[in-house]
Amino acid sequence: MKYTIKEMATSTVENYLKEILVITLEESVSKVPMGQVARVLGVTPGTATSMAKSLERDGWIKYFPRVGVSLTRKGRKLAMNMLRRHRLLETFLVETLGLDWSEIHAEAEELEHAISEKVLEKLDEFLGRPRFDPHGDPIPSKGGVIQQLSSKPLSDFEKDAEIRIESIIDQDKEFLKFARNTKLVPGQRFKIIGKENCADSITLKNSKGKEINLGFRSAEKVLALPFES
Protein backbone atom coordinates (compact mmCIF):
# COMPACT_ATOMS: atom_id res chain seq x y z
CA MET A 1 0.00 0.00 0.00
CA LYS A 2 1.22 3.51 -0.83
CA TYR A 3 0.98 6.01 2.01
CA THR A 4 0.84 9.80 1.76
CA ILE A 5 3.18 12.01 3.77
CA LYS A 6 0.27 12.87 6.08
CA GLU A 7 -0.48 9.21 6.80
CA MET A 8 3.14 8.44 7.68
CA ALA A 9 3.35 11.13 10.37
CA THR A 10 2.07 10.95 13.93
CA SER A 11 0.19 13.80 15.56
CA THR A 12 3.29 14.58 17.64
CA VAL A 13 5.41 14.92 14.51
CA GLU A 14 2.73 17.12 12.95
CA ASN A 15 2.63 19.39 16.00
CA TYR A 16 6.39 19.87 16.06
CA LEU A 17 6.61 20.60 12.34
CA LYS A 18 3.71 23.04 12.44
CA GLU A 19 5.18 25.02 15.34
CA ILE A 20 8.59 25.15 13.66
CA LEU A 21 6.90 26.56 10.57
CA VAL A 22 4.86 29.12 12.53
CA ILE A 23 7.96 30.44 14.31
CA THR A 24 9.88 30.50 11.02
CA LEU A 25 7.14 32.57 9.39
CA GLU A 26 6.41 34.91 12.29
CA GLU A 27 10.03 35.71 13.10
CA SER A 28 11.48 35.42 9.58
CA VAL A 29 14.29 33.14 10.74
CA SER A 30 16.02 30.31 8.89
CA LYS A 31 16.73 28.23 12.01
CA VAL A 32 14.40 27.86 14.98
CA PRO A 33 15.84 27.16 18.48
CA MET A 34 14.35 23.97 19.87
CA GLY A 35 14.07 25.64 23.27
CA GLN A 36 11.54 28.00 21.72
CA VAL A 37 9.59 25.09 20.23
CA ALA A 38 9.70 23.36 23.63
CA ARG A 39 8.12 26.39 25.33
CA VAL A 40 5.31 26.57 22.78
CA LEU A 41 4.54 22.86 23.03
CA GLY A 42 4.95 22.69 26.80
CA VAL A 43 7.74 20.09 26.85
CA THR A 44 11.24 20.12 28.35
CA PRO A 45 14.21 21.25 26.22
CA GLY A 46 15.65 17.75 26.52
CA THR A 47 12.46 16.20 25.15
CA ALA A 48 12.42 18.69 22.28
CA THR A 49 16.07 18.00 21.44
CA SER A 50 15.47 14.24 21.39
CA MET A 51 12.49 14.81 19.11
CA ALA A 52 14.60 17.00 16.83
CA LYS A 53 17.09 14.20 16.35
CA SER A 54 14.27 11.80 15.54
CA LEU A 55 12.72 14.26 13.08
CA GLU A 56 16.05 14.69 11.34
CA ARG A 57 16.55 10.94 11.10
CA ASP A 58 13.17 10.63 9.38
CA GLY A 59 13.92 13.46 6.97
CA TRP A 60 11.51 16.09 8.32
CA ILE A 61 14.06 18.67 9.49
CA LYS A 62 17.73 19.59 9.52
CA TYR A 63 19.13 19.78 13.07
CA PHE A 64 22.02 22.08 13.94
CA PRO A 65 23.21 21.37 17.53
CA ARG A 66 23.12 24.45 19.83
CA VAL A 67 21.74 26.52 16.94
CA GLY A 68 18.31 25.26 15.93
CA VAL A 69 16.37 23.43 13.25
CA SER A 70 15.03 24.11 9.77
CA LEU A 71 12.38 22.25 7.81
CA THR A 72 13.28 20.10 4.83
CA ARG A 73 11.13 20.31 1.71
CA LYS A 74 9.25 17.24 2.92
CA GLY A 75 8.83 18.74 6.40
CA ARG A 76 7.68 22.11 5.11
CA LYS A 77 5.09 20.45 2.87
CA LEU A 78 3.51 18.61 5.80
CA ALA A 79 3.83 21.60 8.14
CA MET A 80 2.08 23.87 5.63
CA ASN A 81 -0.71 21.31 5.25
CA MET A 82 -1.17 21.19 9.02
CA LEU A 83 -1.20 24.97 9.26
CA ARG A 84 -3.83 25.09 6.51
CA ARG A 85 -5.94 22.55 8.41
CA HIS A 86 -5.59 24.45 11.66
CA ARG A 87 -6.53 27.85 10.30
CA LEU A 88 -9.43 26.59 8.18
CA LEU A 89 -10.82 24.76 11.21
CA GLU A 90 -10.49 27.88 13.36
CA THR A 91 -12.41 29.82 10.72
CA PHE A 92 -15.13 27.16 10.62
CA LEU A 93 -15.44 27.09 14.41
CA VAL A 94 -15.97 30.86 14.58
CA GLU A 95 -17.95 31.60 11.43
CA THR A 96 -20.15 28.49 11.31
CA LEU A 97 -20.36 27.15 14.86
CA GLY A 98 -20.17 30.53 16.59
CA LEU A 99 -17.39 29.71 19.05
CA ASP A 100 -15.49 32.59 20.62
CA TRP A 101 -12.08 33.16 19.03
CA SER A 102 -10.39 32.68 22.41
CA GLU A 103 -11.61 29.05 22.49
CA ILE A 104 -10.86 27.83 18.98
CA HIS A 105 -7.12 27.21 19.06
CA ALA A 106 -7.30 24.19 21.37
CA GLU A 107 -10.31 22.78 19.51
CA ALA A 108 -8.57 23.10 16.15
CA GLU A 109 -5.47 21.43 17.62
CA GLU A 110 -7.55 18.32 18.29
CA LEU A 111 -9.47 18.27 15.00
CA GLU A 112 -6.64 19.04 12.58
CA HIS A 113 -5.11 15.57 12.88
CA ALA A 114 -8.35 13.73 12.15
CA ILE A 115 -10.00 15.17 9.05
CA SER A 116 -9.27 13.79 5.59
CA GLU A 117 -8.00 15.80 2.63
CA LYS A 118 -11.42 15.40 1.00
CA VAL A 119 -13.19 16.93 4.00
CA LEU A 120 -10.55 19.66 4.21
CA GLU A 121 -11.14 20.76 0.62
CA LYS A 122 -14.92 20.66 1.06
CA LEU A 123 -14.51 22.76 4.20
CA ASP A 124 -12.43 25.32 2.28
CA GLU A 125 -15.09 25.46 -0.44
CA PHE A 126 -17.92 25.75 2.11
CA LEU A 127 -16.19 28.69 3.81
CA GLY A 128 -15.72 30.50 0.50
CA ARG A 129 -11.97 29.84 0.34
CA PRO A 130 -11.00 32.37 3.03
CA ARG A 131 -7.56 33.96 2.87
CA PHE A 132 -7.28 34.71 6.60
CA ASP A 133 -8.37 33.03 9.82
CA PRO A 134 -10.25 34.84 12.64
CA HIS A 135 -6.98 36.00 14.22
CA GLY A 136 -5.92 37.63 10.95
CA ASP A 137 -3.32 34.99 10.08
CA PRO A 138 -3.00 33.98 6.41
CA ILE A 139 -4.33 30.54 5.43
CA PRO A 140 -1.97 28.53 3.19
CA SER A 141 -3.34 27.52 -0.20
CA LYS A 142 -3.84 23.90 -1.20
CA GLY A 143 -0.51 24.12 -3.02
CA GLY A 144 1.31 25.24 0.12
CA VAL A 145 1.62 28.93 -0.73
CA ILE A 146 1.13 31.41 2.10
CA GLN A 147 0.84 35.18 1.93
CA GLN A 148 3.72 37.02 3.58
CA LEU A 149 2.47 39.79 5.84
CA SER A 150 4.13 43.21 5.83
CA SER A 151 2.63 44.17 9.19
CA LYS A 152 4.77 44.76 12.28
CA PRO A 153 4.24 44.69 16.06
CA LEU A 154 2.49 47.64 17.71
CA SER A 155 5.59 48.16 19.82
CA ASP A 156 7.53 49.13 16.67
CA PHE A 157 5.29 52.12 15.92
CA GLU A 158 5.96 55.61 17.27
CA LYS A 159 3.64 58.07 19.00
CA ASP A 160 1.02 59.71 16.74
CA ALA A 161 1.07 56.81 14.27
CA GLU A 162 -2.36 55.77 12.98
CA ILE A 163 -2.62 52.03 12.51
CA ARG A 164 -4.99 49.23 11.49
CA ILE A 165 -4.83 45.92 13.35
CA GLU A 166 -3.93 43.05 11.03
CA SER A 167 -3.49 39.99 13.23
CA ILE A 168 -3.03 38.65 16.76
CA ILE A 169 -0.14 36.20 16.95
CA ASP A 170 -0.66 35.07 20.55
CA GLN A 171 -3.07 32.14 21.03
CA ASP A 172 -3.32 32.52 24.80
CA LYS A 173 -6.99 32.37 25.75
CA GLU A 174 -6.86 35.21 28.29
CA PHE A 175 -5.04 37.56 25.93
CA LEU A 176 -7.53 36.82 23.15
CA LYS A 177 -10.41 37.58 25.53
CA PHE A 178 -8.71 40.87 26.40
CA ALA A 179 -8.22 41.68 22.71
CA ARG A 180 -11.88 40.92 21.95
CA ASN A 181 -13.18 42.98 24.87
CA THR A 182 -11.06 46.00 23.92
CA LYS A 183 -11.83 45.64 20.18
CA LEU A 184 -8.15 45.05 19.53
CA VAL A 185 -9.05 42.83 16.59
CA PRO A 186 -8.22 42.64 12.86
CA GLY A 187 -9.64 45.53 10.88
CA GLN A 188 -9.95 47.97 13.79
CA ARG A 189 -8.15 51.31 13.62
CA PHE A 190 -6.32 53.13 16.40
CA LYS A 191 -4.03 56.08 16.99
CA ILE A 192 -0.98 55.72 19.21
CA ILE A 193 -1.30 58.63 21.61
CA GLY A 194 1.47 57.66 24.00
CA LYS A 195 4.64 55.59 24.07
CA GLU A 196 6.93 55.38 27.09
CA ASN A 197 10.06 53.37 26.31
CA CYS A 198 11.35 53.64 29.87
CA ALA A 199 8.09 52.17 31.20
CA ASP A 200 7.63 49.70 28.32
CA SER A 201 4.10 50.96 27.69
CA ILE A 202 2.03 52.14 24.76
CA THR A 203 -1.37 53.87 24.74
CA LEU A 204 -3.89 53.56 21.91
CA LYS A 205 -7.09 55.47 21.22
CA ASN A 206 -9.90 54.22 18.99
CA SER A 207 -12.29 56.27 16.84
CA LYS A 208 -14.70 56.62 19.77
CA GLY A 209 -12.02 58.09 22.02
CA LYS A 210 -11.57 55.01 24.19
CA GLU A 211 -8.00 54.47 25.38
CA ILE A 212 -6.16 51.17 25.78
CA ASN A 213 -2.88 50.78 27.65
CA LEU A 214 -0.54 47.94 26.72
CA GLY A 215 2.85 46.81 27.91
CA PHE A 216 5.44 46.24 25.20
CA ARG A 217 5.23 42.47 25.69
CA SER A 218 1.53 42.55 24.90
CA ALA A 219 2.02 45.06 22.08
CA GLU A 220 4.46 42.65 20.42
CA LYS A 221 1.61 40.15 20.06
CA VAL A 222 -0.47 42.53 17.93
CA LEU A 223 0.56 43.12 14.31
CA ALA A 224 -0.57 46.23 12.49
CA LEU A 225 -0.12 48.36 9.38
CA PRO A 226 -0.04 52.16 9.14
CA PHE A 227 -2.95 53.93 7.50
CA GLU A 228 -3.73 57.50 6.56
CA SER A 229 -6.99 58.96 7.84
C-alpha atoms as a PDB file:
ATOM      1  CA  MET A   1       0.000   0.000   0.000  1.00  0.00           C
ATOM      2  CA  LYS A   2       1.215   3.506  -0.830  1.00  0.00           C
ATOM      3  CA  TYR A   3       0.985   6.013   2.013  1.00  0.00           C
ATOM      4  CA  THR A   4       0.843   9.795   1.758  1.00  0.00           C
ATOM      5  CA  ILE A   5       3.179  12.009   3.770  1.00  0.00           C
ATOM      6  CA  LYS A   6       0.270  12.870   6.081  1.00  0.00           C
ATOM      7  CA  GLU A   7      -0.483   9.210   6.804  1.00  0.00           C
ATOM      8  CA  MET A   8       3.137   8.437   7.678  1.00  0.00           C
ATOM      9  CA  ALA A   9       3.345  11.133  10.366  1.00  0.00           C
ATOM     10  CA  THR A  10       2.066  10.945  13.931  1.00  0.00           C
ATOM     11  CA  SER A  11       0.190  13.802  15.560  1.00  0.00           C
ATOM     12  CA  THR A  12       3.291  14.580  17.644  1.00  0.00           C
ATOM     13  CA  VAL A  13       5.406  14.917  14.510  1.00  0.00           C
ATOM     14  CA  GLU A  14       2.731  17.120  12.951  1.00  0.00           C
ATOM     15  CA  ASN A  15       2.626  19.390  16.003  1.00  0.00           C
ATOM     16  CA  TYR A  16       6.392  19.870  16.057  1.00  0.00           C
ATOM     17  CA  LEU A  17       6.612  20.601  12.343  1.00  0.00           C
ATOM     18  CA  LYS A  18       3.707  23.044  12.440  1.00  0.00           C
ATOM     19  CA  GLU A  19       5.181  25.017  15.345  1.00  0.00           C
ATOM     20  CA  ILE A  20       8.591  25.151  13.665  1.00  0.00           C
ATOM     21  CA  LEU A  21       6.903  26.557  10.567  1.00  0.00           C
ATOM     22  CA  VAL A  22       4.861  29.116  12.527  1.00  0.00           C
ATOM     23  CA  ILE A  23       7.956  30.435  14.310  1.00  0.00           C
ATOM     24  CA  THR A  24       9.877  30.496  11.022  1.00  0.00           C
ATOM     25  CA  LEU A  25       7.140  32.573   9.386  1.00  0.00           C
ATOM     26  CA  GLU A  26       6.408  34.905  12.293  1.00  0.00           C
ATOM     27  CA  GLU A  27      10.026  35.714  13.100  1.00  0.00           C
ATOM     28  CA  SER A  28      11.485  35.424   9.575  1.00  0.00           C
ATOM     29  CA  VAL A  29      14.287  33.136  10.739  1.00  0.00           C
ATOM     30  CA  SER A  30      16.023  30.311   8.893  1.00  0.00           C
ATOM     31  CA  LYS A  31      16.729  28.230  12.006  1.00  0.00           C
ATOM     32  CA  VAL A  32      14.398  27.859  14.981  1.00  0.00           C
ATOM     33  CA  PRO A  33      15.839  27.157  18.475  1.00  0.00           C
ATOM     34  CA  MET A  34      14.346  23.965  19.874  1.00  0.00           C
ATOM     35  CA  GLY A  35      14.069  25.642  23.271  1.00  0.00           C
ATOM     36  CA  GLN A  36      11.535  27.998  21.723  1.00  0.00           C
ATOM     37  CA  VAL A  37       9.589  25.094  20.228  1.00  0.00           C
ATOM     38  CA  ALA A  38       9.701  23.362  23.625  1.00  0.00           C
ATOM     39  CA  ARG A  39       8.125  26.392  25.331  1.00  0.00           C
ATOM     40  CA  VAL A  40       5.310  26.573  22.781  1.00  0.00           C
ATOM     41  CA  LEU A  41       4.536  22.860  23.028  1.00  0.00           C
ATOM     42  CA  GLY A  42       4.954  22.687  26.801  1.00  0.00           C
ATOM     43  CA  VAL A  43       7.745  20.089  26.855  1.00  0.00           C
ATOM     44  CA  THR A  44      11.244  20.123  28.346  1.00  0.00           C
ATOM     45  CA  PRO A  45      14.210  21.251  26.222  1.00  0.00           C
ATOM     46  CA  GLY A  46      15.648  17.746  26.521  1.00  0.00           C
ATOM     47  CA  THR A  47      12.463  16.201  25.146  1.00  0.00           C
ATOM     48  CA  ALA A  48      12.421  18.690  22.277  1.00  0.00           C
ATOM     49  CA  THR A  49      16.066  17.997  21.435  1.00  0.00           C
ATOM     50  CA  SER A  50      15.465  14.241  21.393  1.00  0.00           C
ATOM     51  CA  MET A  51      12.492  14.805  19.111  1.00  0.00           C
ATOM     52  CA  ALA A  52      14.599  17.004  16.828  1.00  0.00           C
ATOM     53  CA  LYS A  53      17.094  14.197  16.349  1.00  0.00           C
ATOM     54  CA  SER A  54      14.266  11.798  15.540  1.00  0.00           C
ATOM     55  CA  LEU A  55      12.717  14.255  13.080  1.00  0.00           C
ATOM     56  CA  GLU A  56      16.055  14.688  11.340  1.00  0.00           C
ATOM     57  CA  ARG A  57      16.548  10.938  11.097  1.00  0.00           C
ATOM     58  CA  ASP A  58      13.171  10.632   9.377  1.00  0.00           C
ATOM     59  CA  GLY A  59      13.918  13.463   6.965  1.00  0.00           C
ATOM     60  CA  TRP A  60      11.510  16.091   8.319  1.00  0.00           C
ATOM     61  CA  ILE A  61      14.056  18.671   9.488  1.00  0.00           C
ATOM     62  CA  LYS A  62      17.735  19.593   9.523  1.00  0.00           C
ATOM     63  CA  TYR A  63      19.126  19.775  13.067  1.00  0.00           C
ATOM     64  CA  PHE A  64      22.018  22.078  13.942  1.00  0.00           C
ATOM     65  CA  PRO A  65      23.212  21.372  17.532  1.00  0.00           C
ATOM     66  CA  ARG A  66      23.124  24.448  19.827  1.00  0.00           C
ATOM     67  CA  VAL A  67      21.745  26.518  16.938  1.00  0.00           C
ATOM     68  CA  GLY A  68      18.307  25.263  15.931  1.00  0.00           C
ATOM     69  CA  VAL A  69      16.367  23.425  13.250  1.00  0.00           C
ATOM     70  CA  SER A  70      15.033  24.105   9.772  1.00  0.00           C
ATOM     71  CA  LEU A  71      12.377  22.250   7.807  1.00  0.00           C
ATOM     72  CA  THR A  72      13.284  20.100   4.826  1.00  0.00           C
ATOM     73  CA  ARG A  73      11.134  20.309   1.715  1.00  0.00           C
ATOM     74  CA  LYS A  74       9.247  17.237   2.921  1.00  0.00           C
ATOM     75  CA  GLY A  75       8.835  18.737   6.400  1.00  0.00           C
ATOM     76  CA  ARG A  76       7.680  22.109   5.114  1.00  0.00           C
ATOM     77  CA  LYS A  77       5.087  20.454   2.873  1.00  0.00           C
ATOM     78  CA  LEU A  78       3.508  18.614   5.797  1.00  0.00           C
ATOM     79  CA  ALA A  79       3.825  21.597   8.140  1.00  0.00           C
ATOM     80  CA  MET A  80       2.084  23.865   5.631  1.00  0.00           C
ATOM     81  CA  ASN A  81      -0.708  21.306   5.248  1.00  0.00           C
ATOM     82  CA  MET A  82      -1.173  21.187   9.025  1.00  0.00           C
ATOM     83  CA  LEU A  83      -1.203  24.970   9.264  1.00  0.00           C
ATOM     84  CA  ARG A  84      -3.832  25.087   6.511  1.00  0.00           C
ATOM     85  CA  ARG A  85      -5.943  22.552   8.406  1.00  0.00           C
ATOM     86  CA  HIS A  86      -5.595  24.448  11.660  1.00  0.00           C
ATOM     87  CA  ARG A  87      -6.531  27.851  10.298  1.00  0.00           C
ATOM     88  CA  LEU A  88      -9.427  26.593   8.181  1.00  0.00           C
ATOM     89  CA  LEU A  89     -10.815  24.764  11.207  1.00  0.00           C
ATOM     90  CA  GLU A  90     -10.489  27.884  13.357  1.00  0.00           C
ATOM     91  CA  THR A  91     -12.406  29.821  10.718  1.00  0.00           C
ATOM     92  CA  PHE A  92     -15.133  27.161  10.623  1.00  0.00           C
ATOM     93  CA  LEU A  93     -15.437  27.088  14.411  1.00  0.00           C
ATOM     94  CA  VAL A  94     -15.969  30.855  14.578  1.00  0.00           C
ATOM     95  CA  GLU A  95     -17.954  31.598  11.428  1.00  0.00           C
ATOM     96  CA  THR A  96     -20.149  28.492  11.314  1.00  0.00           C
ATOM     97  CA  LEU A  97     -20.364  27.152  14.862  1.00  0.00           C
ATOM     98  CA  GLY A  98     -20.172  30.525  16.585  1.00  0.00           C
ATOM     99  CA  LEU A  99     -17.392  29.713  19.047  1.00  0.00           C
ATOM    100  CA  ASP A 100     -15.490  32.591  20.624  1.00  0.00           C
ATOM    101  CA  TRP A 101     -12.083  33.162  19.028  1.00  0.00           C
ATOM    102  CA  SER A 102     -10.390  32.682  22.414  1.00  0.00           C
ATOM    103  CA  GLU A 103     -11.605  29.054  22.488  1.00  0.00           C
ATOM    104  CA  ILE A 104     -10.861  27.831  18.984  1.00  0.00           C
ATOM    105  CA  HIS A 105      -7.116  27.207  19.064  1.00  0.00           C
ATOM    106  CA  ALA A 106      -7.296  24.189  21.370  1.00  0.00           C
ATOM    107  CA  GLU A 107     -10.306  22.778  19.513  1.00  0.00           C
ATOM    108  CA  ALA A 108      -8.569  23.095  16.145  1.00  0.00           C
ATOM    109  CA  GLU A 109      -5.469  21.426  17.616  1.00  0.00           C
ATOM    110  CA  GLU A 110      -7.547  18.317  18.288  1.00  0.00           C
ATOM    111  CA  LEU A 111      -9.467  18.274  15.003  1.00  0.00           C
ATOM    112  CA  GLU A 112      -6.643  19.036  12.575  1.00  0.00           C
ATOM    113  CA  HIS A 113      -5.115  15.570  12.876  1.00  0.00           C
ATOM    114  CA  ALA A 114      -8.352  13.734  12.150  1.00  0.00           C
ATOM    115  CA  ILE A 115     -10.004  15.171   9.046  1.00  0.00           C
ATOM    116  CA  SER A 116      -9.268  13.794   5.588  1.00  0.00           C
ATOM    117  CA  GLU A 117      -8.003  15.802   2.633  1.00  0.00           C
ATOM    118  CA  LYS A 118     -11.423  15.396   1.003  1.00  0.00           C
ATOM    119  CA  VAL A 119     -13.191  16.931   3.996  1.00  0.00           C
ATOM    120  CA  LEU A 120     -10.550  19.665   4.210  1.00  0.00           C
ATOM    121  CA  GLU A 121     -11.142  20.756   0.619  1.00  0.00           C
ATOM    122  CA  LYS A 122     -14.924  20.663   1.063  1.00  0.00           C
ATOM    123  CA  LEU A 123     -14.508  22.764   4.195  1.00  0.00           C
ATOM    124  CA  ASP A 124     -12.433  25.316   2.278  1.00  0.00           C
ATOM    125  CA  GLU A 125     -15.094  25.456  -0.438  1.00  0.00           C
ATOM    126  CA  PHE A 126     -17.923  25.749   2.110  1.00  0.00           C
ATOM    127  CA  LEU A 127     -16.192  28.691   3.808  1.00  0.00           C
ATOM    128  CA  GLY A 128     -15.718  30.502   0.502  1.00  0.00           C
ATOM    129  CA  ARG A 129     -11.968  29.839   0.336  1.00  0.00           C
ATOM    130  CA  PRO A 130     -11.002  32.367   3.028  1.00  0.00           C
ATOM    131  CA  ARG A 131      -7.564  33.963   2.869  1.00  0.00           C
ATOM    132  CA  PHE A 132      -7.275  34.712   6.595  1.00  0.00           C
ATOM    133  CA  ASP A 133      -8.368  33.030   9.824  1.00  0.00           C
ATOM    134  CA  PRO A 134     -10.252  34.839  12.640  1.00  0.00           C
ATOM    135  CA  HIS A 135      -6.983  36.003  14.220  1.00  0.00           C
ATOM    136  CA  GLY A 136      -5.916  37.630  10.950  1.00  0.00           C
ATOM    137  CA  ASP A 137      -3.318  34.990  10.084  1.00  0.00           C
ATOM    138  CA  PRO A 138      -3.002  33.976   6.405  1.00  0.00           C
ATOM    139  CA  ILE A 139      -4.328  30.542   5.435  1.00  0.00           C
ATOM    140  CA  PRO A 140      -1.972  28.529   3.190  1.00  0.00           C
ATOM    141  CA  SER A 141      -3.337  27.523  -0.201  1.00  0.00           C
ATOM    142  CA  LYS A 142      -3.838  23.898  -1.198  1.00  0.00           C
ATOM    143  CA  GLY A 143      -0.514  24.117  -3.017  1.00  0.00           C
ATOM    144  CA  GLY A 144       1.308  25.242   0.118  1.00  0.00           C
ATOM    145  CA  VAL A 145       1.622  28.931  -0.730  1.00  0.00           C
ATOM    146  CA  ILE A 146       1.132  31.413   2.099  1.00  0.00           C
ATOM    147  CA  GLN A 147       0.844  35.179   1.927  1.00  0.00           C
ATOM    148  CA  GLN A 148       3.718  37.019   3.580  1.00  0.00           C
ATOM    149  CA  LEU A 149       2.468  39.789   5.840  1.00  0.00           C
ATOM    150  CA  SER A 150       4.128  43.205   5.831  1.00  0.00           C
ATOM    151  CA  SER A 151       2.630  44.165   9.187  1.00  0.00           C
ATOM    152  CA  LYS A 152       4.765  44.757  12.276  1.00  0.00           C
ATOM    153  CA  PRO A 153       4.238  44.695  16.062  1.00  0.00           C
ATOM    154  CA  LEU A 154       2.490  47.636  17.709  1.00  0.00           C
ATOM    155  CA  SER A 155       5.591  48.162  19.824  1.00  0.00           C
ATOM    156  CA  ASP A 156       7.528  49.133  16.670  1.00  0.00           C
ATOM    157  CA  PHE A 157       5.290  52.123  15.923  1.00  0.00           C
ATOM    158  CA  GLU A 158       5.956  55.609  17.268  1.00  0.00           C
ATOM    159  CA  LYS A 159       3.639  58.075  19.001  1.00  0.00           C
ATOM    160  CA  ASP A 160       1.016  59.710  16.740  1.00  0.00           C
ATOM    161  CA  ALA A 161       1.068  56.807  14.274  1.00  0.00           C
ATOM    162  CA  GLU A 162      -2.356  55.773  12.984  1.00  0.00           C
ATOM    163  CA  ILE A 163      -2.622  52.034  12.511  1.00  0.00           C
ATOM    164  CA  ARG A 164      -4.988  49.230  11.487  1.00  0.00           C
ATOM    165  CA  ILE A 165      -4.832  45.924  13.350  1.00  0.00           C
ATOM    166  CA  GLU A 166      -3.934  43.045  11.027  1.00  0.00           C
ATOM    167  CA  SER A 167      -3.488  39.988  13.234  1.00  0.00           C
ATOM    168  CA  ILE A 168      -3.031  38.648  16.759  1.00  0.00           C
ATOM    169  CA  ILE A 169      -0.137  36.205  16.955  1.00  0.00           C
ATOM    170  CA  ASP A 170      -0.658  35.066  20.548  1.00  0.00           C
ATOM    171  CA  GLN A 171      -3.072  32.141  21.026  1.00  0.00           C
ATOM    172  CA  ASP A 172      -3.324  32.521  24.803  1.00  0.00           C
ATOM    173  CA  LYS A 173      -6.994  32.370  25.755  1.00  0.00           C
ATOM    174  CA  GLU A 174      -6.858  35.205  28.294  1.00  0.00           C
ATOM    175  CA  PHE A 175      -5.042  37.560  25.929  1.00  0.00           C
ATOM    176  CA  LEU A 176      -7.533  36.817  23.153  1.00  0.00           C
ATOM    177  CA  LYS A 177     -10.409  37.585  25.529  1.00  0.00           C
ATOM    178  CA  PHE A 178      -8.713  40.873  26.403  1.00  0.00           C
ATOM    179  CA  ALA A 179      -8.224  41.675  22.706  1.00  0.00           C
ATOM    180  CA  ARG A 180     -11.876  40.921  21.952  1.00  0.00           C
ATOM    181  CA  ASN A 181     -13.182  42.983  24.874  1.00  0.00           C
ATOM    182  CA  THR A 182     -11.058  45.996  23.924  1.00  0.00           C
ATOM    183  CA  LYS A 183     -11.832  45.639  20.182  1.00  0.00           C
ATOM    184  CA  LEU A 184      -8.145  45.055  19.531  1.00  0.00           C
ATOM    185  CA  VAL A 185      -9.052  42.826  16.593  1.00  0.00           C
ATOM    186  CA  PRO A 186      -8.219  42.635  12.865  1.00  0.00           C
ATOM    187  CA  GLY A 187      -9.636  45.533  10.878  1.00  0.00           C
ATOM    188  CA  GLN A 188      -9.954  47.973  13.792  1.00  0.00           C
ATOM    189  CA  ARG A 189      -8.146  51.308  13.622  1.00  0.00           C
ATOM    190  CA  PHE A 190      -6.324  53.134  16.399  1.00  0.00           C
ATOM    191  CA  LYS A 191      -4.030  56.078  16.988  1.00  0.00           C
ATOM    192  CA  ILE A 192      -0.975  55.721  19.208  1.00  0.00           C
ATOM    193  CA  ILE A 193      -1.302  58.633  21.611  1.00  0.00           C
ATOM    194  CA  GLY A 194       1.473  57.660  24.000  1.00  0.00           C
ATOM    195  CA  LYS A 195       4.641  55.594  24.070  1.00  0.00           C
ATOM    196  CA  GLU A 196       6.931  55.379  27.088  1.00  0.00           C
ATOM    197  CA  ASN A 197      10.058  53.370  26.308  1.00  0.00           C
ATOM    198  CA  CYS A 198      11.353  53.636  29.870  1.00  0.00           C
ATOM    199  CA  ALA A 199       8.091  52.169  31.199  1.00  0.00           C
ATOM    200  CA  ASP A 200       7.628  49.705  28.318  1.00  0.00           C
ATOM    201  CA  SER A 201       4.103  50.959  27.687  1.00  0.00           C
ATOM    202  CA  ILE A 202       2.033  52.141  24.757  1.00  0.00           C
ATOM    203  CA  THR A 203      -1.368  53.866  24.742  1.00  0.00           C
ATOM    204  CA  LEU A 204      -3.886  53.559  21.912  1.00  0.00           C
ATOM    205  CA  LYS A 205      -7.092  55.465  21.216  1.00  0.00           C
ATOM    206  CA  ASN A 206      -9.896  54.219  18.987  1.00  0.00           C
ATOM    207  CA  SER A 207     -12.287  56.269  16.841  1.00  0.00           C
ATOM    208  CA  LYS A 208     -14.698  56.618  19.772  1.00  0.00           C
ATOM    209  CA  GLY A 209     -12.023  58.085  22.018  1.00  0.00           C
ATOM    210  CA  LYS A 210     -11.565  55.007  24.194  1.00  0.00           C
ATOM    211  CA  GLU A 211      -7.998  54.472  25.377  1.00  0.00           C
ATOM    212  CA  ILE A 212      -6.164  51.169  25.784  1.00  0.00           C
ATOM    213  CA  ASN A 213      -2.879  50.784  27.648  1.00  0.00           C
ATOM    214  CA  LEU A 214      -0.540  47.941  26.717  1.00  0.00           C
ATOM    215  CA  GLY A 215       2.852  46.808  27.914  1.00  0.00           C
ATOM    216  CA  PHE A 216       5.444  46.242  25.202  1.00  0.00           C
ATOM    217  CA  ARG A 217       5.232  42.466  25.689  1.00  0.00           C
ATOM    218  CA  SER A 218       1.530  42.548  24.896  1.00  0.00           C
ATOM    219  CA  ALA A 219       2.020  45.062  22.079  1.00  0.00           C
ATOM    220  CA  GLU A 220       4.461  42.654  20.420  1.00  0.00           C
ATOM    221  CA  LYS A 221       1.612  40.151  20.061  1.00  0.00           C
ATOM    222  CA  VAL A 222      -0.466  42.526  17.931  1.00  0.00           C
ATOM    223  CA  LEU A 223       0.556  43.118  14.315  1.00  0.00           C
ATOM    224  CA  ALA A 224      -0.568  46.234  12.486  1.00  0.00           C
ATOM    225  CA  LEU A 225      -0.118  48.359   9.382  1.00  0.00           C
ATOM    226  CA  PRO A 226      -0.040  52.159   9.142  1.00  0.00           C
ATOM    227  CA  PHE A 227      -2.951  53.930   7.504  1.00  0.00           C
ATOM    228  CA  GLU A 228      -3.726  57.505   6.561  1.00  0.00           C
ATOM    229  CA  SER A 229      -6.987  58.959   7.841  1.00  0.00           C
END
